[in-house]
């Protein structure tokens, strides 16, 4: 499915006007089994791919200030292979969950501990976990930009 088609179908499914509004709609759908089933149907049952990552990266990622660029499936698959079999997995920059999804494909019963600093992507991450029934603890990291000006003495 092309990005434009995916974007419009996703907005329609969740009743969102745009990508920013989609974030709120995803949060409201975390426990909506009918909506999750409809999402699965929309993507042809293929939950091995982070469909929402494509939408977020193109329409919402902050590439200028935060230098956000999300992990492509090929790199996520390579990382999954390098890590190998585990009972639990920690991801310090979870984003929308691409790495967790790849590890989940290998072992759907493992536990995840995920950290993410960008609150804008959190709804995408949580919906990805929820639609796949991935067991995870998610930590929202808040960071502060501190500027220090010295006299140079």
C-alpha atoms as a PDB file:
ATOM      1  CA  UNK A   1       0.000   0.000   0.000  1.00  0.00           C
ATOM      2  CA  UNK A   2       1.379   3.411  -0.973  1.00  0.00           C
ATOM      3  CA  UNK A   3       1.910   6.016   1.752  1.00  0.00           C
ATOM      4  CA  UNK A   4      -0.801   8.383   0.504  1.00  0.00           C
ATOM      5  CA  UNK A   5      -3.369   5.576   0.410  1.00  0.00           C
ATOM      6  CA  UNK A   6      -2.272   4.309   3.841  1.00  0.00           C
ATOM      7  CA  UNK A   7      -2.481   7.820   5.285  1.00  0.00           C
ATOM      8  CA  UNK A   8      -6.000   8.491   4.021  1.00  0.00           C
ATOM      9  CA  UNK A   9      -7.301   5.041   4.947  1.00  0.00           C
ATOM     10  CA  UNK A  10      -5.822   5.378   8.434  1.00  0.00           C
ATOM     11  CA  UNK A  11      -7.339   8.834   8.932  1.00  0.00           C
ATOM     12  CA  UNK A  12     -10.711   7.516   7.753  1.00  0.00           C
ATOM     13  CA  UNK A  13     -10.592   4.432   9.959  1.00  0.00           C
ATOM     14  CA  UNK A  14      -9.868   6.468  13.085  1.00  0.00           C
ATOM     15  CA  UNK A  15     -12.040   9.453  12.147  1.00  0.00           C
ATOM     16  CA  UNK A  16      -9.107  11.863  12.145  1.00  0.00           C
ATOM     17  CA  UNK A  17      -8.799  15.100  10.186  1.00  0.00           C
ATOM     18  CA  UNK A  18      -5.002  15.023   9.962  1.00  0.00           C
ATOM     19  CA  UNK A  19      -1.900  13.337  11.407  1.00  0.00           C
ATOM     20  CA  UNK A  20      -1.921  15.485  14.558  1.00  0.00           C
ATOM     21  CA  UNK A  21      -5.554  14.572  15.245  1.00  0.00           C
ATOM     22  CA  UNK A  22      -4.735  10.926  14.513  1.00  0.00           C
ATOM     23  CA  UNK A  23      -2.588  10.871  17.679  1.00  0.00           C
ATOM     24  CA  UNK A  24      -5.636  11.606  19.842  1.00  0.00           C
ATOM     25  CA  UNK A  25      -7.743   9.097  17.938  1.00  0.00           C
ATOM     26  CA  UNK A  26      -5.135   6.363  18.393  1.00  0.00           C
ATOM     27  CA  UNK A  27      -5.084   6.956  22.163  1.00  0.00           C
ATOM     28  CA  UNK A  28      -8.865   6.627  22.292  1.00  0.00           C
ATOM     29  CA  UNK A  29      -8.680   3.368  20.320  1.00  0.00           C
ATOM     30  CA  UNK A  30      -6.237   1.470  22.532  1.00  0.00           C
ATOM     31  CA  UNK A  31      -9.037  -0.681  23.977  1.00  0.00           C
ATOM     32  CA  UNK A  32     -11.369  -0.559  20.975  1.00  0.00           C
ATOM     33  CA  UNK A  33     -11.257  -4.139  19.677  1.00  0.00           C
ATOM     34  CA  UNK A  34     -13.469  -3.364  16.665  1.00  0.00           C
ATOM     35  CA  UNK A  35     -11.179  -0.552  15.564  1.00  0.00           C
ATOM     36  CA  UNK A  36      -8.088  -2.718  16.086  1.00  0.00           C
ATOM     37  CA  UNK A  37      -9.706  -5.501  14.045  1.00  0.00           C
ATOM     38  CA  UNK A  38     -10.546  -2.995  11.308  1.00  0.00           C
ATOM     39  CA  UNK A  39      -6.924  -1.788  11.312  1.00  0.00           C
ATOM     40  CA  UNK A  40      -5.712  -5.387  10.930  1.00  0.00           C
ATOM     41  CA  UNK A  41      -8.124  -5.888   8.048  1.00  0.00           C
ATOM     42  CA  UNK A  42      -6.993  -2.626   6.429  1.00  0.00           C
ATOM     43  CA  UNK A  43      -3.348  -3.823   6.403  1.00  0.00           C
ATOM     44  CA  UNK A  44      -4.306  -7.267   5.136  1.00  0.00           C
ATOM     45  CA  UNK A  45      -3.555  -8.910   8.485  1.00  0.00           C
ATOM     46  CA  UNK A  46       0.157  -8.087   8.123  1.00  0.00           C
ATOM     47  CA  UNK A  47       1.274  -6.957  11.572  1.00  0.00           C
ATOM     48  CA  UNK A  48       4.927  -7.709  10.811  1.00  0.00           C
ATOM     49  CA  UNK A  49       5.260  -4.187   9.436  1.00  0.00           C
ATOM     50  CA  UNK A  50       5.082  -0.932  11.386  1.00  0.00           C
ATOM     51  CA  UNK A  51       2.446   0.712   9.198  1.00  0.00           C
ATOM     52  CA  UNK A  52       1.951   3.648  11.541  1.00  0.00           C
ATOM     53  CA  UNK A  53       5.663   4.437  11.486  1.00  0.00           C
ATOM     54  CA  UNK A  54       5.382   5.393   7.822  1.00  0.00           C
ATOM     55  CA  UNK A  55       2.562   7.820   8.573  1.00  0.00           C
ATOM     56  CA  UNK A  56       4.316   9.340  11.586  1.00  0.00           C
ATOM     57  CA  UNK A  57       7.705   9.686   9.924  1.00  0.00           C
ATOM     58  CA  UNK A  58       6.366  11.404   6.814  1.00  0.00           C
ATOM     59  CA  UNK A  59       3.746  13.655   8.393  1.00  0.00           C
ATOM     60  CA  UNK A  60       4.936  14.352  11.958  1.00  0.00           C
ATOM     61  CA  UNK A  61       8.604  13.498  12.538  1.00  0.00           C
ATOM     62  CA  UNK A  62      10.726  16.474  13.568  1.00  0.00           C
ATOM     63  CA  UNK A  63      13.745  16.042  11.345  1.00  0.00           C
ATOM     64  CA  UNK A  64      14.940  19.634  11.690  1.00  0.00           C
ATOM     65  CA  UNK A  65      15.154  20.078  15.479  1.00  0.00           C
ATOM     66  CA  UNK A  66      15.179  16.518  16.834  1.00  0.00           C
ATOM     67  CA  UNK A  67      16.806  14.895  13.777  1.00  0.00           C
ATOM     68  CA  UNK A  68      14.153  12.169  13.934  1.00  0.00           C
ATOM     69  CA  UNK A  69      14.498   9.362  11.444  1.00  0.00           C
ATOM     70  CA  UNK A  70      12.793   6.106  12.319  1.00  0.00           C
ATOM     71  CA  UNK A  71      14.294   2.633  12.022  1.00  0.00           C
ATOM     72  CA  UNK A  72      13.504   0.947   8.695  1.00  0.00           C
ATOM     73  CA  UNK A  73      12.279  -2.642   8.806  1.00  0.00           C
ATOM     74  CA  UNK A  74      15.546  -3.957   7.303  1.00  0.00           C
ATOM     75  CA  UNK A  75      17.614  -2.459  10.155  1.00  0.00           C
ATOM     76  CA  UNK A  76      15.057  -3.607  12.751  1.00  0.00           C
ATOM     77  CA  UNK A  77      15.276  -7.143  11.345  1.00  0.00           C
ATOM     78  CA  UNK A  78      19.091  -7.026  11.437  1.00  0.00           C
ATOM     79  CA  UNK A  79      19.031  -5.854  15.065  1.00  0.00           C
ATOM     80  CA  UNK A  80      16.586  -8.641  15.954  1.00  0.00           C
ATOM     81  CA  UNK A  81      18.927 -11.207  14.388  1.00  0.00           C
ATOM     82  CA  UNK A  82      22.003  -9.780  16.153  1.00  0.00           C
ATOM     83  CA  UNK A  83      20.312  -9.803  19.565  1.00  0.00           C
ATOM     84  CA  UNK A  84      18.966 -13.324  19.110  1.00  0.00           C
ATOM     85  CA  UNK A  85      16.502 -15.153  21.352  1.00  0.00           C
ATOM     86  CA  UNK A  86      15.629 -13.368  24.591  1.00  0.00           C
ATOM     87  CA  UNK A  87      12.926 -13.469  27.237  1.00  0.00           C
ATOM     88  CA  UNK A  88      12.899  -9.701  27.549  1.00  0.00           C
ATOM     89  CA  UNK A  89      13.992  -6.771  25.442  1.00  0.00           C
ATOM     90  CA  UNK A  90      14.858  -3.157  26.269  1.00  0.00           C
ATOM     91  CA  UNK A  91      14.630  -0.395  23.662  1.00  0.00           C
ATOM     92  CA  UNK A  92      15.933   2.993  24.772  1.00  0.00           C
ATOM     93  CA  UNK A  93      14.515   4.933  21.797  1.00  0.00           C
ATOM     94  CA  UNK A  94      11.336   3.027  21.000  1.00  0.00           C
ATOM     95  CA  UNK A  95       9.737   5.519  18.598  1.00  0.00           C
ATOM     96  CA  UNK A  96       6.665   3.871  17.118  1.00  0.00           C
ATOM     97  CA  UNK A  97       7.906   0.393  18.070  1.00  0.00           C
ATOM     98  CA  UNK A  98       9.683  -0.951  14.970  1.00  0.00           C
ATOM     99  CA  UNK A  99      12.360  -2.827  16.928  1.00  0.00           C
ATOM    100  CA  UNK A 100       9.848  -4.248  19.405  1.00  0.00           C
ATOM    101  CA  UNK A 101       7.655  -5.424  16.533  1.00  0.00           C
ATOM    102  CA  UNK A 102      10.569  -7.325  14.972  1.00  0.00           C
ATOM    103  CA  UNK A 103      11.464  -8.975  18.290  1.00  0.00           C
ATOM    104  CA  UNK A 104       7.771  -9.769  18.875  1.00  0.00           C
ATOM    105  CA  UNK A 105       7.588 -11.546  15.502  1.00  0.00           C
ATOM    106  CA  UNK A 106      10.386 -13.840  16.648  1.00  0.00           C
ATOM    107  CA  UNK A 107       8.903 -14.432  20.115  1.00  0.00           C
ATOM    108  CA  UNK A 108       5.391 -13.071  20.823  1.00  0.00           C
ATOM    109  CA  UNK A 109       5.651 -14.073  24.492  1.00  0.00           C
ATOM    110  CA  UNK A 110       8.636 -11.966  25.466  1.00  0.00           C
ATOM    111  CA  UNK A 111       8.356  -8.907  27.670  1.00  0.00           C
ATOM    112  CA  UNK A 112       9.438  -5.452  26.546  1.00  0.00           C
ATOM    113  CA  UNK A 113      10.692  -2.401  28.393  1.00  0.00           C
ATOM    114  CA  UNK A 114      10.475   0.586  26.097  1.00  0.00           C
ATOM    115  CA  UNK A 115      11.662   4.151  26.585  1.00  0.00           C
ATOM    116  CA  UNK A 116      10.631   7.123  24.467  1.00  0.00           C
ATOM    117  CA  UNK A 117      11.265  10.846  24.923  1.00  0.00           C
ATOM    118  CA  UNK A 118       8.992  12.268  22.213  1.00  0.00           C
ATOM    119  CA  UNK A 119       5.454  12.427  23.583  1.00  0.00           C
ATOM    120  CA  UNK A 120       4.127  13.025  20.056  1.00  0.00           C
ATOM    121  CA  UNK A 121       4.961   9.473  18.948  1.00  0.00           C
ATOM    122  CA  UNK A 122       3.684   7.788  22.125  1.00  0.00           C
ATOM    123  CA  UNK A 123       0.118   7.213  20.781  1.00  0.00           C
ATOM    124  CA  UNK A 124       1.579   5.494  17.713  1.00  0.00           C
ATOM    125  CA  UNK A 125       3.781   3.300  19.916  1.00  0.00           C
ATOM    126  CA  UNK A 126       0.957   2.397  22.296  1.00  0.00           C
ATOM    127  CA  UNK A 127      -1.453   1.548  19.490  1.00  0.00           C
ATOM    128  CA  UNK A 128       1.204  -0.617  17.807  1.00  0.00           C
ATOM    129  CA  UNK A 129       1.686  -2.517  21.060  1.00  0.00           C
ATOM    130  CA  UNK A 130      -2.034  -2.805  21.712  1.00  0.00           C
ATOM    131  CA  UNK A 131      -3.038  -4.035  18.252  1.00  0.00           C
ATOM    132  CA  UNK A 132      -0.393  -6.771  18.507  1.00  0.00           C
ATOM    133  CA  UNK A 133      -1.126  -7.550  22.158  1.00  0.00           C
ATOM    134  CA  UNK A 134       2.545  -6.991  23.013  1.00  0.00           C
ATOM    135  CA  UNK A 135       3.339  -7.101  26.724  1.00  0.00           C
ATOM    136  CA  UNK A 136       5.390  -3.998  27.509  1.00  0.00           C
ATOM    137  CA  UNK A 137       6.247  -1.427  30.104  1.00  0.00           C
ATOM    138  CA  UNK A 138       6.624   1.972  28.454  1.00  0.00           C
ATOM    139  CA  UNK A 139       8.493   4.843  30.057  1.00  0.00           C
ATOM    140  CA  UNK A 140       7.955   8.374  28.792  1.00  0.00           C
ATOM    141  CA  UNK A 141      11.194  10.274  29.196  1.00  0.00           C
ATOM    142  CA  UNK A 142      11.060  13.995  29.543  1.00  0.00           C
ATOM    143  CA  UNK A 143      14.157  15.869  28.616  1.00  0.00           C
ATOM    144  CA  UNK A 144      15.110  19.460  29.075  1.00  0.00           C
ATOM    145  CA  UNK A 145      17.338  21.608  26.971  1.00  0.00           C
ATOM    146  CA  UNK A 146      19.734  23.531  29.183  1.00  0.00           C
ATOM    147  CA  UNK A 147      21.827  26.374  27.873  1.00  0.00           C
ATOM    148  CA  UNK A 148      24.810  27.509  29.878  1.00  0.00           C
ATOM    149  CA  UNK A 149      26.440  30.804  29.127  1.00  0.00           C
ATOM    150  CA  UNK A 150      29.845  31.419  30.663  1.00  0.00           C
ATOM    151  CA  UNK A 151      32.023  34.497  30.728  1.00  0.00           C
ATOM    152  CA  UNK A 152      34.984  32.488  29.468  1.00  0.00           C
ATOM    153  CA  UNK A 153      37.180  33.503  32.453  1.00  0.00           C
END
